[in-house]
Protein backbone atom coordinates (compact mmCIF):
# COMPACT_ATOMS: atom_id res chain seq x y z
CA UNK A 1 0.00 0.00 0.00
CA UNK A 2 1.00 3.64 -0.08
CA UNK A 3 2.08 3.19 3.54
CA UNK A 4 5.15 1.29 2.33
CA UNK A 5 6.19 3.38 -0.68
CA UNK A 6 9.42 4.54 0.97
CA UNK A 7 10.21 0.95 2.01
CA UNK A 8 10.00 -0.15 -1.62
CA UNK A 9 12.43 2.56 -2.69
CA UNK A 10 14.93 1.48 -0.01
CA UNK A 11 14.47 -2.20 -0.87
CA UNK A 12 15.28 -1.52 -4.52
CA UNK A 13 18.42 0.34 -3.49
CA UNK A 14 19.67 -1.93 -0.67
CA UNK A 15 17.97 -5.27 -1.46
CA UNK A 16 16.07 -5.58 1.83
CA UNK A 17 13.51 -3.88 4.05
CA UNK A 18 14.41 -3.31 7.70
CA UNK A 19 11.68 -2.90 10.30
CA UNK A 20 10.78 -3.55 13.92
CA UNK A 21 8.97 -6.70 12.75
CA UNK A 22 12.33 -8.37 12.19
CA UNK A 23 11.74 -11.45 10.06
CA UNK A 24 7.99 -11.23 10.67
CA UNK A 25 5.36 -10.49 8.08
CA UNK A 26 3.47 -7.22 7.80
CA UNK A 27 -0.13 -6.95 6.68
CA UNK A 28 -1.49 -3.62 5.59
CA UNK A 29 -4.42 -1.87 3.99
CA UNK A 30 -4.78 1.33 2.02
CA UNK A 31 -5.67 4.61 3.69
CA UNK A 32 -9.02 4.41 1.90
CA UNK A 33 -9.74 1.01 3.47
CA UNK A 34 -8.81 2.30 6.95
CA UNK A 35 -11.00 5.40 6.47
CA UNK A 36 -14.00 3.37 5.32
CA UNK A 37 -13.66 0.99 8.27
CA UNK A 38 -13.34 3.87 10.74
CA UNK A 39 -16.41 5.59 9.28
CA UNK A 40 -18.48 2.42 9.66
CA UNK A 41 -17.40 1.93 13.26
CA UNK A 42 -17.98 5.57 14.17
CA UNK A 43 -21.44 5.66 12.57
CA UNK A 44 -22.50 2.35 14.13
CA UNK A 45 -22.62 0.54 10.78
CA UNK A 46 -19.66 -1.73 11.50
PDB file of N, CA and C in Angstrom:
ATOM      1  N   UNK A   1       0.834  -1.191   0.000  1.00  0.00           N
ATOM      2  CA  UNK A   1       0.000   0.000   0.000  1.00  0.00           C
ATOM      3  C   UNK A   1       0.870   1.242   0.000  1.00  0.00           C
ATOM      4  N   UNK A   2       0.242   2.385  -0.085  1.00  0.00           N
ATOM      5  CA  UNK A   2       1.001   3.636  -0.083  1.00  0.00           C
ATOM      6  C   UNK A   2       1.750   3.836   1.229  1.00  0.00           C
ATOM      7  N   UNK A   3       1.383   3.086   2.257  1.00  0.00           N
ATOM      8  CA  UNK A   3       2.079   3.194   3.544  1.00  0.00           C
ATOM      9  C   UNK A   3       3.513   2.681   3.469  1.00  0.00           C
ATOM     10  N   UNK A   4       3.830   1.894   2.451  1.00  0.00           N
ATOM     11  CA  UNK A   4       5.153   1.285   2.334  1.00  0.00           C
ATOM     12  C   UNK A   4       5.935   1.769   1.115  1.00  0.00           C
ATOM     13  N   UNK A   5       5.525   2.864   0.517  1.00  0.00           N
ATOM     14  CA  UNK A   5       6.192   3.381  -0.676  1.00  0.00           C
ATOM     15  C   UNK A   5       7.671   3.642  -0.434  1.00  0.00           C
ATOM     16  N   UNK A   6       8.004   4.273   0.672  1.00  0.00           N
ATOM     17  CA  UNK A   6       9.415   4.541   0.969  1.00  0.00           C
ATOM     18  C   UNK A   6      10.191   3.252   1.200  1.00  0.00           C
ATOM     19  N   UNK A   7       9.546   2.245   1.801  1.00  0.00           N
ATOM     20  CA  UNK A   7      10.211   0.954   2.010  1.00  0.00           C
ATOM     21  C   UNK A   7      10.594   0.318   0.677  1.00  0.00           C
ATOM     22  N   UNK A   8       9.731   0.438  -0.303  1.00  0.00           N
ATOM     23  CA  UNK A   8      10.002  -0.148  -1.617  1.00  0.00           C
ATOM     24  C   UNK A   8      11.209   0.522  -2.255  1.00  0.00           C
ATOM     25  N   UNK A   9      11.282   1.832  -2.136  1.00  0.00           N
ATOM     26  CA  UNK A   9      12.433   2.556  -2.689  1.00  0.00           C
ATOM     27  C   UNK A   9      13.730   2.089  -2.042  1.00  0.00           C
ATOM     28  N   UNK A  10      13.720   1.947  -0.716  1.00  0.00           N
ATOM     29  CA  UNK A  10      14.926   1.476  -0.014  1.00  0.00           C
ATOM     30  C   UNK A  10      15.251   0.033  -0.382  1.00  0.00           C
ATOM     31  N   UNK A  11      14.243  -0.798  -0.523  1.00  0.00           N
ATOM     32  CA  UNK A  11      14.468  -2.202  -0.875  1.00  0.00           C
ATOM     33  C   UNK A  11      15.106  -2.323  -2.252  1.00  0.00           C
ATOM     34  N   UNK A  12      14.678  -1.494  -3.185  1.00  0.00           N
ATOM     35  CA  UNK A  12      15.280  -1.518  -4.521  1.00  0.00           C
ATOM     36  C   UNK A  12      16.743  -1.101  -4.463  1.00  0.00           C
ATOM     37  N   UNK A  13      17.054  -0.157  -3.590  1.00  0.00           N
ATOM     38  CA  UNK A  13      18.425   0.336  -3.489  1.00  0.00           C
ATOM     39  C   UNK A  13      19.319  -0.632  -2.720  1.00  0.00           C
ATOM     40  N   UNK A  14      18.836  -1.136  -1.577  1.00  0.00           N
ATOM     41  CA  UNK A  14      19.668  -1.935  -0.675  1.00  0.00           C
ATOM     42  C   UNK A  14      19.412  -3.439  -0.750  1.00  0.00           C
ATOM     43  N   UNK A  15      18.265  -3.846  -1.325  1.00  0.00           N
ATOM     44  CA  UNK A  15      17.971  -5.272  -1.456  1.00  0.00           C
ATOM     45  C   UNK A  15      17.237  -5.886  -0.278  1.00  0.00           C
ATOM     46  N   UNK A  16      16.821  -5.062   0.684  1.00  0.00           N
ATOM     47  CA  UNK A  16      16.065  -5.576   1.826  1.00  0.00           C
ATOM     48  C   UNK A  16      15.257  -4.451   2.454  1.00  0.00           C
ATOM     49  N   UNK A  17      14.303  -4.837   3.282  1.00  0.00           N
ATOM     50  CA  UNK A  17      13.513  -3.878   4.053  1.00  0.00           C
ATOM     51  C   UNK A  17      13.767  -4.169   5.523  1.00  0.00           C
ATOM     52  N   UNK A  18      14.151  -3.159   6.267  1.00  0.00           N
ATOM     53  CA  UNK A  18      14.411  -3.311   7.696  1.00  0.00           C
ATOM     54  C   UNK A  18      13.256  -2.694   8.475  1.00  0.00           C
ATOM     55  N   UNK A  19      12.761  -3.432   9.475  1.00  0.00           N
ATOM     56  CA  UNK A  19      11.678  -2.898  10.298  1.00  0.00           C
ATOM     57  C   UNK A  19      11.714  -3.525  11.680  1.00  0.00           C
ATOM     58  N   UNK A  20      10.873  -3.012  12.561  1.00  0.00           N
ATOM     59  CA  UNK A  20      10.783  -3.545  13.916  1.00  0.00           C
ATOM     60  C   UNK A  20      10.183  -4.948  13.929  1.00  0.00           C
ATOM     61  N   UNK A  21       9.572  -5.361  12.830  1.00  0.00           N
ATOM     62  CA  UNK A  21       8.973  -6.695  12.747  1.00  0.00           C
ATOM     63  C   UNK A  21      10.026  -7.784  12.585  1.00  0.00           C
ATOM     64  N   UNK A  22      11.266  -7.383  12.380  1.00  0.00           N
ATOM     65  CA  UNK A  22      12.330  -8.373  12.194  1.00  0.00           C
ATOM     66  C   UNK A  22      12.063  -9.227  10.974  1.00  0.00           C
ATOM     67  N   UNK A  23      12.029 -10.537  11.163  1.00  0.00           N
ATOM     68  CA  UNK A  23      11.738 -11.448  10.057  1.00  0.00           C
ATOM     69  C   UNK A  23      10.244 -11.718   9.918  1.00  0.00           C
ATOM     70  N   UNK A  24       9.434 -11.022  10.703  1.00  0.00           N
ATOM     71  CA  UNK A  24       7.991 -11.233  10.667  1.00  0.00           C
ATOM     72  C   UNK A  24       7.354 -10.659   9.414  1.00  0.00           C
ATOM     73  N   UNK A  25       6.112 -10.989   9.224  1.00  0.00           N
ATOM     74  CA  UNK A  25       5.359 -10.491   8.075  1.00  0.00           C
ATOM     75  C   UNK A  25       4.537  -9.276   8.495  1.00  0.00           C
ATOM     76  N   UNK A  26       4.246  -8.427   7.540  1.00  0.00           N
ATOM     77  CA  UNK A  26       3.469  -7.223   7.798  1.00  0.00           C
ATOM     78  C   UNK A  26       2.252  -7.231   6.886  1.00  0.00           C
ATOM     79  N   UNK A  27       1.088  -7.071   7.465  1.00  0.00           N
ATOM     80  CA  UNK A  27      -0.135  -6.952   6.678  1.00  0.00           C
ATOM     81  C   UNK A  27      -0.548  -5.488   6.705  1.00  0.00           C
ATOM     82  N   UNK A  28      -1.119  -5.017   5.637  1.00  0.00           N
ATOM     83  CA  UNK A  28      -1.489  -3.617   5.588  1.00  0.00           C
ATOM     84  C   UNK A  28      -2.727  -3.428   4.729  1.00  0.00           C
ATOM     85  N   UNK A  29      -3.277  -2.257   4.809  1.00  0.00           N
ATOM     86  CA  UNK A  29      -4.422  -1.867   3.995  1.00  0.00           C
ATOM     87  C   UNK A  29      -4.188  -0.437   3.535  1.00  0.00           C
ATOM     88  N   UNK A  30      -4.932  -0.036   2.526  1.00  0.00           N
ATOM     89  CA  UNK A  30      -4.779   1.331   2.019  1.00  0.00           C
ATOM     90  C   UNK A  30      -5.426   2.326   2.983  1.00  0.00           C
ATOM     91  N   UNK A  31      -5.063   3.565   2.857  1.00  0.00           N
ATOM     92  CA  UNK A  31      -5.672   4.614   3.692  1.00  0.00           C
ATOM     93  C   UNK A  31      -7.176   4.649   3.476  1.00  0.00           C
ATOM     94  N   UNK A  32      -7.593   4.425   2.228  1.00  0.00           N
ATOM     95  CA  UNK A  32      -9.022   4.413   1.902  1.00  0.00           C
ATOM     96  C   UNK A  32      -9.738   3.310   2.685  1.00  0.00           C
ATOM     97  N   UNK A  33      -9.139   2.117   2.727  1.00  0.00           N
ATOM     98  CA  UNK A  33      -9.743   1.015   3.474  1.00  0.00           C
ATOM     99  C   UNK A  33      -9.849   1.345   4.959  1.00  0.00           C
ATOM    100  N   UNK A  34      -8.782   1.914   5.531  1.00  0.00           N
ATOM    101  CA  UNK A  34      -8.810   2.300   6.947  1.00  0.00           C
ATOM    102  C   UNK A  34      -9.891   3.353   7.194  1.00  0.00           C
ATOM    103  N   UNK A  35     -10.005   4.332   6.310  1.00  0.00           N
ATOM    104  CA  UNK A  35     -10.996   5.403   6.471  1.00  0.00           C
ATOM    105  C   UNK A  35     -12.413   4.852   6.396  1.00  0.00           C
ATOM    106  N   UNK A  36     -12.667   3.954   5.445  1.00  0.00           N
ATOM    107  CA  UNK A  36     -14.002   3.367   5.320  1.00  0.00           C
ATOM    108  C   UNK A  36     -14.361   2.547   6.559  1.00  0.00           C
ATOM    109  N   UNK A  37     -13.412   1.789   7.070  1.00  0.00           N
ATOM    110  CA  UNK A  37     -13.664   0.990   8.272  1.00  0.00           C
ATOM    111  C   UNK A  37     -13.934   1.891   9.473  1.00  0.00           C
ATOM    112  N   UNK A  38     -13.145   2.943   9.625  1.00  0.00           N
ATOM    113  CA  UNK A  38     -13.342   3.872  10.740  1.00  0.00           C
ATOM    114  C   UNK A  38     -14.707   4.540  10.649  1.00  0.00           C
ATOM    115  N   UNK A  39     -15.108   4.940   9.459  1.00  0.00           N
ATOM    116  CA  UNK A  39     -16.406   5.594   9.281  1.00  0.00           C
ATOM    117  C   UNK A  39     -17.543   4.653   9.672  1.00  0.00           C
ATOM    118  N   UNK A  40     -17.438   3.388   9.303  1.00  0.00           N
ATOM    119  CA  UNK A  40     -18.484   2.421   9.657  1.00  0.00           C
ATOM    120  C   UNK A  40     -18.555   2.212  11.163  1.00  0.00           C
ATOM    121  N   UNK A  41     -17.413   2.115  11.804  1.00  0.00           N
ATOM    122  CA  UNK A  41     -17.399   1.928  13.258  1.00  0.00           C
ATOM    123  C   UNK A  41     -17.968   3.164  13.955  1.00  0.00           C
ATOM    124  N   UNK A  42     -17.547   4.337  13.519  1.00  0.00           N
ATOM    125  CA  UNK A  42     -17.982   5.573  14.173  1.00  0.00           C
ATOM    126  C   UNK A  42     -19.453   5.886  13.947  1.00  0.00           C
ATOM    127  N   UNK A  43     -20.025   5.408  12.847  1.00  0.00           N
ATOM    128  CA  UNK A  43     -21.442   5.659  12.573  1.00  0.00           C
ATOM    129  C   UNK A  43     -22.332   4.513  13.038  1.00  0.00           C
ATOM    130  N   UNK A  44     -21.727   3.489  13.633  1.00  0.00           N
ATOM    131  CA  UNK A  44     -22.497   2.355  14.129  1.00  0.00           C
ATOM    132  C   UNK A  44     -22.874   1.351  13.064  1.00  0.00           C
ATOM    133  N   UNK A  45     -22.314   1.466  11.873  1.00  0.00           N
ATOM    134  CA  UNK A  45     -22.625   0.543  10.785  1.00  0.00           C
ATOM    135  C   UNK A  45     -21.646  -0.627  10.708  1.00  0.00           C
ATOM    136  N   UNK A  46     -20.669  -0.662  11.609  1.00  0.00           N
ATOM    137  CA  UNK A  46     -19.662  -1.726  11.498  1.00  0.00           C
ATOM    138  C   UNK A  46     -19.290  -2.326  12.808  1.00  0.00           C
TER     139      UNK A  46
END
